């Protein structure tokens, strides 16, 4: 299987690992506010406090993720 397809398929099942991977690609750190409630299966953060560069990995992960209800 092509690596990019495998990565997308695996990432659809695990939000945080894909979010962490995309943050690493752009040399940033996953935000603690995004990670805080993921154990409960929800995203709960103040969007006004995110910088512009923080949105790209978050939105890309949300686009393919099927893990969050």
N, C-alpha and C. Protein backbone atom coordinates (compact mmCIF):
# COMPACT_ATOMS: atom_id res chain seq x y z
N UNK A 1 0.85 -1.18 0.00
CA UNK A 1 0.00 0.00 0.00
C UNK A 1 0.89 1.24 0.00
N UNK A 2 0.47 2.26 -0.68
CA UNK A 2 1.22 3.52 -0.73
C UNK A 2 1.25 4.13 0.67
N UNK A 3 2.43 4.65 1.05
CA UNK A 3 2.61 5.18 2.40
C UNK A 3 1.62 6.30 2.73
N UNK A 4 1.36 7.19 1.79
CA UNK A 4 0.45 8.30 2.08
C UNK A 4 -0.98 7.81 2.30
N UNK A 5 -1.37 6.77 1.58
CA UNK A 5 -2.72 6.21 1.77
C UNK A 5 -2.81 5.52 3.12
N UNK A 6 -1.77 4.78 3.48
CA UNK A 6 -1.75 4.11 4.78
C UNK A 6 -1.78 5.14 5.91
N UNK A 7 -1.02 6.21 5.77
CA UNK A 7 -1.01 7.26 6.78
C UNK A 7 -2.39 7.88 6.94
N UNK A 8 -3.06 8.18 5.82
CA UNK A 8 -4.39 8.76 5.88
C UNK A 8 -5.39 7.81 6.53
N UNK A 9 -5.30 6.53 6.19
CA UNK A 9 -6.23 5.55 6.76
C UNK A 9 -6.02 5.41 8.26
N UNK A 10 -4.76 5.32 8.69
CA UNK A 10 -4.47 5.20 10.11
C UNK A 10 -4.83 6.48 10.86
N UNK A 11 -4.63 7.61 10.23
CA UNK A 11 -4.91 8.89 10.88
C UNK A 11 -6.40 9.13 11.06
N UNK A 12 -7.20 8.54 10.22
CA UNK A 12 -8.64 8.70 10.35
C UNK A 12 -9.14 8.09 11.64
N UNK A 13 -8.37 7.16 12.20
CA UNK A 13 -8.79 6.50 13.43
C UNK A 13 -8.14 7.08 14.68
N UNK A 14 -7.13 7.90 14.54
CA UNK A 14 -6.43 8.42 15.71
C UNK A 14 -6.13 9.91 15.52
N UNK A 15 -6.97 10.74 16.09
CA UNK A 15 -6.86 12.19 15.92
C UNK A 15 -5.51 12.72 16.40
N UNK A 16 -5.15 12.38 17.63
CA UNK A 16 -3.97 13.01 18.21
C UNK A 16 -2.68 12.65 17.50
N UNK A 17 -2.51 11.41 17.10
CA UNK A 17 -1.25 11.04 16.44
C UNK A 17 -1.09 11.77 15.11
N UNK A 18 -2.18 11.94 14.38
CA UNK A 18 -2.09 12.66 13.11
C UNK A 18 -1.86 14.16 13.35
N UNK A 19 -2.53 14.71 14.33
CA UNK A 19 -2.33 16.12 14.68
C UNK A 19 -0.87 16.36 15.09
N UNK A 20 -0.32 15.45 15.89
CA UNK A 20 1.06 15.56 16.32
C UNK A 20 2.01 15.47 15.12
N UNK A 21 1.72 14.58 14.20
CA UNK A 21 2.53 14.40 12.99
C UNK A 21 2.53 15.67 12.14
N UNK A 22 1.35 16.26 11.93
CA UNK A 22 1.27 17.48 11.12
C UNK A 22 1.95 18.66 11.80
N UNK A 23 1.87 18.72 13.11
CA UNK A 23 2.58 19.78 13.83
C UNK A 23 4.09 19.62 13.65
N UNK A 24 4.57 18.39 13.71
CA UNK A 24 6.00 18.14 13.54
C UNK A 24 6.46 18.52 12.13
N UNK A 25 5.61 18.31 11.14
CA UNK A 25 5.97 18.66 9.77
C UNK A 25 6.18 20.16 9.60
N UNK A 26 5.46 20.96 10.37
CA UNK A 26 5.62 22.41 10.25
C UNK A 26 6.43 22.99 11.41
N UNK A 27 7.16 22.11 12.10
CA UNK A 27 8.05 22.52 13.20
C UNK A 27 7.33 23.30 14.29
N UNK A 28 6.17 22.81 14.68
CA UNK A 28 5.46 23.41 15.80
C UNK A 28 5.13 22.32 16.82
N UNK A 29 4.62 22.74 17.95
CA UNK A 29 4.29 21.83 19.03
C UNK A 29 2.77 21.73 19.13
N UNK A 30 2.23 20.51 19.34
CA UNK A 30 0.78 20.39 19.54
C UNK A 30 0.34 21.24 20.73
N UNK A 31 -0.75 21.93 20.57
CA UNK A 31 -1.21 22.84 21.61
C UNK A 31 -1.79 22.08 22.80
N UNK A 32 -1.39 22.45 24.02
CA UNK A 32 -1.95 21.80 25.20
C UNK A 32 -3.47 21.97 25.30
N UNK A 33 -3.99 23.09 24.84
CA UNK A 33 -5.43 23.32 24.92
C UNK A 33 -6.20 22.37 24.01
N UNK A 34 -5.60 21.96 22.91
CA UNK A 34 -6.24 21.01 22.00
C UNK A 34 -6.15 19.61 22.59
N UNK A 35 -5.03 19.29 23.21
CA UNK A 35 -4.82 17.95 23.77
C UNK A 35 -5.62 17.72 25.05
N UNK A 36 -6.02 18.76 25.74
CA UNK A 36 -6.59 18.65 27.08
C UNK A 36 -7.79 17.72 27.19
N UNK A 37 -8.72 17.79 26.29
CA UNK A 37 -9.95 17.01 26.41
C UNK A 37 -10.03 15.84 25.44
N UNK A 38 -8.96 15.54 24.75
CA UNK A 38 -9.00 14.46 23.76
C UNK A 38 -9.22 13.09 24.39
N UNK A 39 -8.80 12.90 25.62
CA UNK A 39 -9.03 11.61 26.29
C UNK A 39 -10.52 11.34 26.44
N UNK A 40 -11.30 12.40 26.54
CA UNK A 40 -12.75 12.26 26.67
C UNK A 40 -13.42 12.17 25.30
N UNK A 41 -12.65 12.31 24.24
CA UNK A 41 -13.19 12.19 22.89
C UNK A 41 -13.81 13.46 22.35
N UNK A 42 -13.45 14.61 22.93
CA UNK A 42 -14.00 15.88 22.46
C UNK A 42 -12.88 16.90 22.27
N UNK A 43 -13.14 17.88 21.44
CA UNK A 43 -12.26 19.03 21.32
C UNK A 43 -12.93 20.18 22.05
N UNK A 44 -12.22 20.78 22.99
CA UNK A 44 -12.77 21.88 23.75
C UNK A 44 -11.65 22.89 23.98
N UNK A 45 -11.63 23.94 23.17
CA UNK A 45 -10.59 24.95 23.28
C UNK A 45 -11.16 26.29 22.84
N UNK A 46 -10.47 27.36 23.21
CA UNK A 46 -10.87 28.70 22.84
C UNK A 46 -10.21 29.04 21.51
N UNK A 47 -10.99 29.05 20.46
CA UNK A 47 -10.46 29.28 19.10
C UNK A 47 -9.86 30.68 18.94
N UNK A 48 -10.29 31.62 19.74
CA UNK A 48 -9.74 32.98 19.65
C UNK A 48 -8.27 33.04 20.07
N UNK A 49 -7.82 32.06 20.81
CA UNK A 49 -6.44 32.08 21.30
C UNK A 49 -5.47 31.34 20.39
N UNK A 50 -5.96 30.75 19.31
CA UNK A 50 -5.08 30.06 18.37
C UNK A 50 -4.46 31.05 17.40
N UNK A 51 -3.18 30.84 17.13
CA UNK A 51 -2.50 31.66 16.13
C UNK A 51 -2.82 31.11 14.75
N UNK A 52 -2.56 31.87 13.74
CA UNK A 52 -2.85 31.46 12.37
C UNK A 52 -2.12 30.17 12.00
N UNK A 53 -0.86 30.04 12.40
CA UNK A 53 -0.09 28.84 12.06
C UNK A 53 -0.60 27.60 12.79
N UNK A 54 -1.32 27.78 13.89
CA UNK A 54 -1.86 26.64 14.64
C UNK A 54 -3.08 26.03 13.96
N UNK A 55 -3.73 26.77 13.10
CA UNK A 55 -4.95 26.29 12.46
C UNK A 55 -4.71 25.23 11.40
N UNK A 56 -3.63 25.34 10.65
CA UNK A 56 -3.39 24.43 9.52
C UNK A 56 -3.36 22.96 9.93
N UNK A 57 -2.55 22.55 10.92
CA UNK A 57 -2.57 21.13 11.28
C UNK A 57 -3.88 20.70 11.92
N UNK A 58 -4.50 21.59 12.66
CA UNK A 58 -5.77 21.26 13.31
C UNK A 58 -6.87 21.01 12.28
N UNK A 59 -7.00 21.90 11.33
CA UNK A 59 -8.04 21.74 10.31
C UNK A 59 -7.77 20.56 9.39
N UNK A 60 -6.51 20.32 9.06
CA UNK A 60 -6.17 19.17 8.22
C UNK A 60 -6.49 17.86 8.92
N UNK A 61 -6.25 17.81 10.21
CA UNK A 61 -6.57 16.61 10.98
C UNK A 61 -8.07 16.42 11.09
N UNK A 62 -8.80 17.49 11.33
CA UNK A 62 -10.26 17.38 11.41
C UNK A 62 -10.88 16.94 10.09
N UNK A 63 -10.24 17.31 9.00
CA UNK A 63 -10.78 16.98 7.68
C UNK A 63 -10.82 15.47 7.45
N UNK A 64 -9.83 14.73 7.93
CA UNK A 64 -9.80 13.30 7.64
C UNK A 64 -10.16 12.43 8.83
N UNK A 65 -10.29 12.99 10.01
CA UNK A 65 -10.48 12.19 11.21
C UNK A 65 -11.91 11.68 11.35
N UNK A 66 -12.02 10.42 11.76
CA UNK A 66 -13.32 9.82 12.00
C UNK A 66 -13.42 9.30 13.43
N UNK A 67 -12.50 9.73 14.28
CA UNK A 67 -12.42 9.25 15.65
C UNK A 67 -13.30 10.04 16.61
N UNK A 68 -13.42 11.33 16.39
CA UNK A 68 -14.20 12.17 17.29
C UNK A 68 -15.69 12.05 16.96
N UNK A 69 -16.53 12.00 17.98
CA UNK A 69 -17.98 11.89 17.70
C UNK A 69 -18.56 13.14 17.09
